[in-house]
N, C-alpha and C. Protein backbone atom coordinates (compact mmCIF):
# COMPACT_ATOMS: atom_id res chain seq x y z
N MET A 1 0.85 -1.17 0.00
CA MET A 1 0.00 0.00 0.00
C MET A 1 0.90 1.24 0.00
N LYS A 2 0.60 2.17 -0.88
CA LYS A 2 1.39 3.39 -1.02
C LYS A 2 1.16 4.31 0.18
N PRO A 3 2.23 4.83 0.80
CA PRO A 3 2.05 5.74 1.94
C PRO A 3 1.39 7.04 1.49
N LEU A 4 0.65 7.63 2.41
CA LEU A 4 -0.10 8.84 2.09
C LEU A 4 0.11 9.85 3.20
N LEU A 5 0.56 11.05 2.82
CA LEU A 5 0.77 12.14 3.77
C LEU A 5 -0.10 13.32 3.38
N GLU A 6 -0.78 13.91 4.36
CA GLU A 6 -1.69 15.00 4.05
C GLU A 6 -0.95 16.21 3.51
N LYS A 7 0.23 16.50 4.02
CA LYS A 7 1.01 17.64 3.51
C LYS A 7 1.29 17.48 2.02
N ALA A 8 1.59 16.26 1.61
CA ALA A 8 1.87 15.99 0.20
C ALA A 8 0.61 16.18 -0.64
N LEU A 9 -0.54 15.77 -0.11
CA LEU A 9 -1.80 15.95 -0.84
C LEU A 9 -2.13 17.43 -1.03
N LEU A 10 -1.87 18.22 0.00
CA LEU A 10 -2.16 19.66 -0.09
C LEU A 10 -1.27 20.34 -1.13
N LYS A 11 -0.06 19.86 -1.31
CA LYS A 11 0.87 20.46 -2.28
C LYS A 11 0.68 19.94 -3.69
N ASP A 12 0.06 18.77 -3.83
CA ASP A 12 -0.08 18.12 -5.14
C ASP A 12 -1.16 18.81 -5.98
N ALA A 13 -0.75 19.44 -7.07
CA ALA A 13 -1.69 20.18 -7.92
C ALA A 13 -2.59 19.25 -8.73
N SER A 14 -2.23 17.99 -8.86
CA SER A 14 -3.05 17.06 -9.64
C SER A 14 -4.25 16.54 -8.85
N ILE A 15 -4.28 16.80 -7.55
CA ILE A 15 -5.40 16.37 -6.71
C ILE A 15 -6.25 17.59 -6.39
N HIS A 16 -7.50 17.55 -6.87
CA HIS A 16 -8.42 18.65 -6.59
C HIS A 16 -8.85 18.56 -5.13
N LYS A 17 -8.93 19.73 -4.50
CA LYS A 17 -9.30 19.77 -3.09
C LYS A 17 -10.06 21.05 -2.81
N VAL A 18 -10.84 21.01 -1.72
CA VAL A 18 -11.61 22.18 -1.32
C VAL A 18 -11.66 22.21 0.20
N GLN A 19 -11.55 23.41 0.75
CA GLN A 19 -11.67 23.54 2.20
C GLN A 19 -13.11 23.87 2.52
N PHE A 20 -13.71 23.08 3.41
CA PHE A 20 -15.10 23.25 3.79
C PHE A 20 -15.19 23.09 5.30
N ASP A 21 -15.76 24.07 5.96
CA ASP A 21 -15.92 24.02 7.42
C ASP A 21 -14.59 23.74 8.12
N LYS A 22 -13.53 24.45 7.70
CA LYS A 22 -12.18 24.39 8.28
C LYS A 22 -11.48 23.05 8.08
N GLU A 23 -11.99 22.22 7.18
CA GLU A 23 -11.37 20.91 6.94
C GLU A 23 -11.18 20.73 5.44
N TRP A 24 -10.08 20.09 5.04
CA TRP A 24 -9.81 19.85 3.64
C TRP A 24 -10.49 18.57 3.19
N PHE A 25 -11.11 18.65 2.01
CA PHE A 25 -11.75 17.51 1.38
C PHE A 25 -11.08 17.29 0.03
N TYR A 26 -10.81 16.03 -0.30
CA TYR A 26 -10.08 15.67 -1.50
C TYR A 26 -10.99 14.90 -2.46
N ASN A 27 -10.83 15.16 -3.75
CA ASN A 27 -11.60 14.48 -4.78
C ASN A 27 -11.20 13.00 -4.77
N LEU A 28 -12.17 12.13 -4.56
CA LEU A 28 -11.87 10.70 -4.44
C LEU A 28 -11.37 10.10 -5.75
N ASP A 29 -11.83 10.59 -6.89
CA ASP A 29 -11.31 10.07 -8.16
C ASP A 29 -9.83 10.37 -8.29
N ASP A 30 -9.42 11.58 -7.89
CA ASP A 30 -8.01 11.94 -7.94
C ASP A 30 -7.19 11.09 -6.97
N ILE A 31 -7.73 10.84 -5.80
CA ILE A 31 -7.03 10.01 -4.80
C ILE A 31 -6.87 8.59 -5.32
N ALA A 32 -7.92 8.03 -5.91
CA ALA A 32 -7.84 6.67 -6.45
C ALA A 32 -6.79 6.59 -7.54
N TYR A 33 -6.73 7.58 -8.41
CA TYR A 33 -5.73 7.60 -9.48
C TYR A 33 -4.32 7.74 -8.89
N HIS A 34 -4.17 8.61 -7.91
CA HIS A 34 -2.86 8.84 -7.27
C HIS A 34 -2.36 7.57 -6.57
N LEU A 35 -3.24 6.89 -5.85
CA LEU A 35 -2.85 5.70 -5.10
C LEU A 35 -2.87 4.43 -5.94
N LYS A 36 -3.60 4.47 -7.05
CA LYS A 36 -3.82 3.28 -7.88
C LYS A 36 -4.45 2.18 -7.03
N GLU A 37 -5.49 2.60 -6.25
CA GLU A 37 -6.21 1.69 -5.37
C GLU A 37 -7.71 1.91 -5.54
N ASP A 38 -8.46 0.91 -5.14
CA ASP A 38 -9.92 1.03 -5.06
C ASP A 38 -10.26 1.76 -3.77
N VAL A 39 -10.96 2.87 -3.87
CA VAL A 39 -11.34 3.64 -2.68
C VAL A 39 -12.87 3.63 -2.49
N SER A 40 -13.52 2.60 -2.98
CA SER A 40 -14.98 2.54 -2.92
C SER A 40 -15.52 2.39 -1.50
N ASP A 41 -14.69 1.94 -0.55
CA ASP A 41 -15.15 1.80 0.84
C ASP A 41 -14.95 3.07 1.67
N VAL A 42 -14.39 4.11 1.07
CA VAL A 42 -14.16 5.36 1.79
C VAL A 42 -15.47 6.14 1.89
N ASP A 43 -15.79 6.61 3.11
CA ASP A 43 -16.97 7.45 3.30
C ASP A 43 -16.75 8.78 2.59
N PHE A 44 -17.79 9.27 1.92
CA PHE A 44 -17.63 10.50 1.16
C PHE A 44 -18.90 11.34 1.22
N ILE A 45 -18.75 12.59 0.82
CA ILE A 45 -19.88 13.49 0.62
C ILE A 45 -19.68 14.15 -0.74
N HIS A 46 -20.76 14.69 -1.30
CA HIS A 46 -20.65 15.44 -2.54
C HIS A 46 -20.48 16.92 -2.21
N LEU A 47 -19.44 17.53 -2.78
CA LEU A 47 -19.17 18.95 -2.59
C LEU A 47 -18.91 19.60 -3.94
N PRO A 48 -19.22 20.90 -4.04
CA PRO A 48 -18.89 21.60 -5.29
C PRO A 48 -17.39 21.86 -5.36
N MET A 49 -16.84 21.68 -6.55
CA MET A 49 -15.41 21.86 -6.74
C MET A 49 -15.18 22.40 -8.15
N MET A 50 -14.21 23.29 -8.29
CA MET A 50 -13.87 23.82 -9.60
C MET A 50 -12.92 22.85 -10.31
N ILE A 51 -13.37 22.31 -11.45
CA ILE A 51 -12.58 21.39 -12.24
C ILE A 51 -12.62 21.89 -13.68
N ASP A 52 -11.46 22.17 -14.23
CA ASP A 52 -11.35 22.72 -15.59
C ASP A 52 -12.24 23.94 -15.76
N GLU A 53 -12.17 24.84 -14.78
CA GLU A 53 -12.89 26.11 -14.77
C GLU A 53 -14.41 25.96 -14.78
N GLN A 54 -14.92 24.80 -14.38
CA GLN A 54 -16.35 24.59 -14.24
C GLN A 54 -16.63 23.98 -12.88
N GLN A 55 -17.73 24.43 -12.28
CA GLN A 55 -18.11 23.89 -10.97
C GLN A 55 -18.82 22.56 -11.16
N GLU A 56 -18.34 21.55 -10.46
CA GLU A 56 -18.95 20.22 -10.49
C GLU A 56 -19.13 19.73 -9.06
N PHE A 57 -20.16 18.90 -8.85
CA PHE A 57 -20.33 18.24 -7.56
C PHE A 57 -19.66 16.88 -7.67
N VAL A 58 -18.66 16.66 -6.82
CA VAL A 58 -17.88 15.43 -6.89
C VAL A 58 -17.81 14.75 -5.52
N LYS A 59 -17.46 13.47 -5.53
CA LYS A 59 -17.27 12.72 -4.29
C LYS A 59 -15.99 13.20 -3.63
N CYS A 60 -16.10 13.62 -2.38
CA CYS A 60 -14.95 14.13 -1.63
C CYS A 60 -14.90 13.46 -0.27
N ALA A 61 -13.69 13.36 0.26
CA ALA A 61 -13.49 12.78 1.59
C ALA A 61 -12.34 13.50 2.28
N THR A 62 -12.37 13.47 3.59
CA THR A 62 -11.28 14.04 4.37
C THR A 62 -10.11 13.06 4.38
N PHE A 63 -8.96 13.54 4.79
CA PHE A 63 -7.78 12.69 4.90
C PHE A 63 -8.05 11.52 5.85
N GLU A 64 -8.71 11.82 6.97
CA GLU A 64 -9.01 10.78 7.95
C GLU A 64 -9.95 9.73 7.37
N ASP A 65 -10.96 10.15 6.62
CA ASP A 65 -11.88 9.21 5.99
C ASP A 65 -11.14 8.30 5.00
N ILE A 66 -10.22 8.89 4.25
CA ILE A 66 -9.45 8.12 3.28
C ILE A 66 -8.59 7.08 4.00
N GLN A 67 -7.90 7.50 5.05
CA GLN A 67 -7.06 6.57 5.81
C GLN A 67 -7.90 5.43 6.41
N ARG A 68 -9.04 5.79 6.97
CA ARG A 68 -9.91 4.78 7.59
C ARG A 68 -10.41 3.79 6.53
N GLY A 69 -10.81 4.27 5.37
CA GLY A 69 -11.29 3.40 4.29
C GLY A 69 -10.20 2.51 3.74
N ARG A 70 -8.98 3.00 3.71
CA ARG A 70 -7.85 2.19 3.24
C ARG A 70 -7.53 1.08 4.21
N LYS A 71 -7.66 1.30 5.51
CA LYS A 71 -7.33 0.30 6.52
C LYS A 71 -8.27 -0.90 6.43
N GLU A 72 -9.48 -0.70 5.91
CA GLU A 72 -10.41 -1.81 5.77
C GLU A 72 -9.91 -2.85 4.78
N PHE A 73 -8.99 -2.46 3.88
CA PHE A 73 -8.46 -3.39 2.89
C PHE A 73 -7.32 -4.21 3.44
N GLU A 74 -6.71 -3.78 4.53
CA GLU A 74 -5.55 -4.51 5.07
C GLU A 74 -5.96 -5.82 5.69
């Protein structure tokens, strides 16, 4: 399993992210591509995010949700 650090996610321009209610949420499709893992067990919510200069509602999760969902595969 590829290690994941939140600081690295915040700096990575290829991962779309949005801050909502003082917490960062990451686009799950981008996370799945970055990790090359199935993230279907990660809890998510739909949030608006700017992608290619258009607002879209996408599946997003916090860093903690992503870590928790990944541990279920171990």
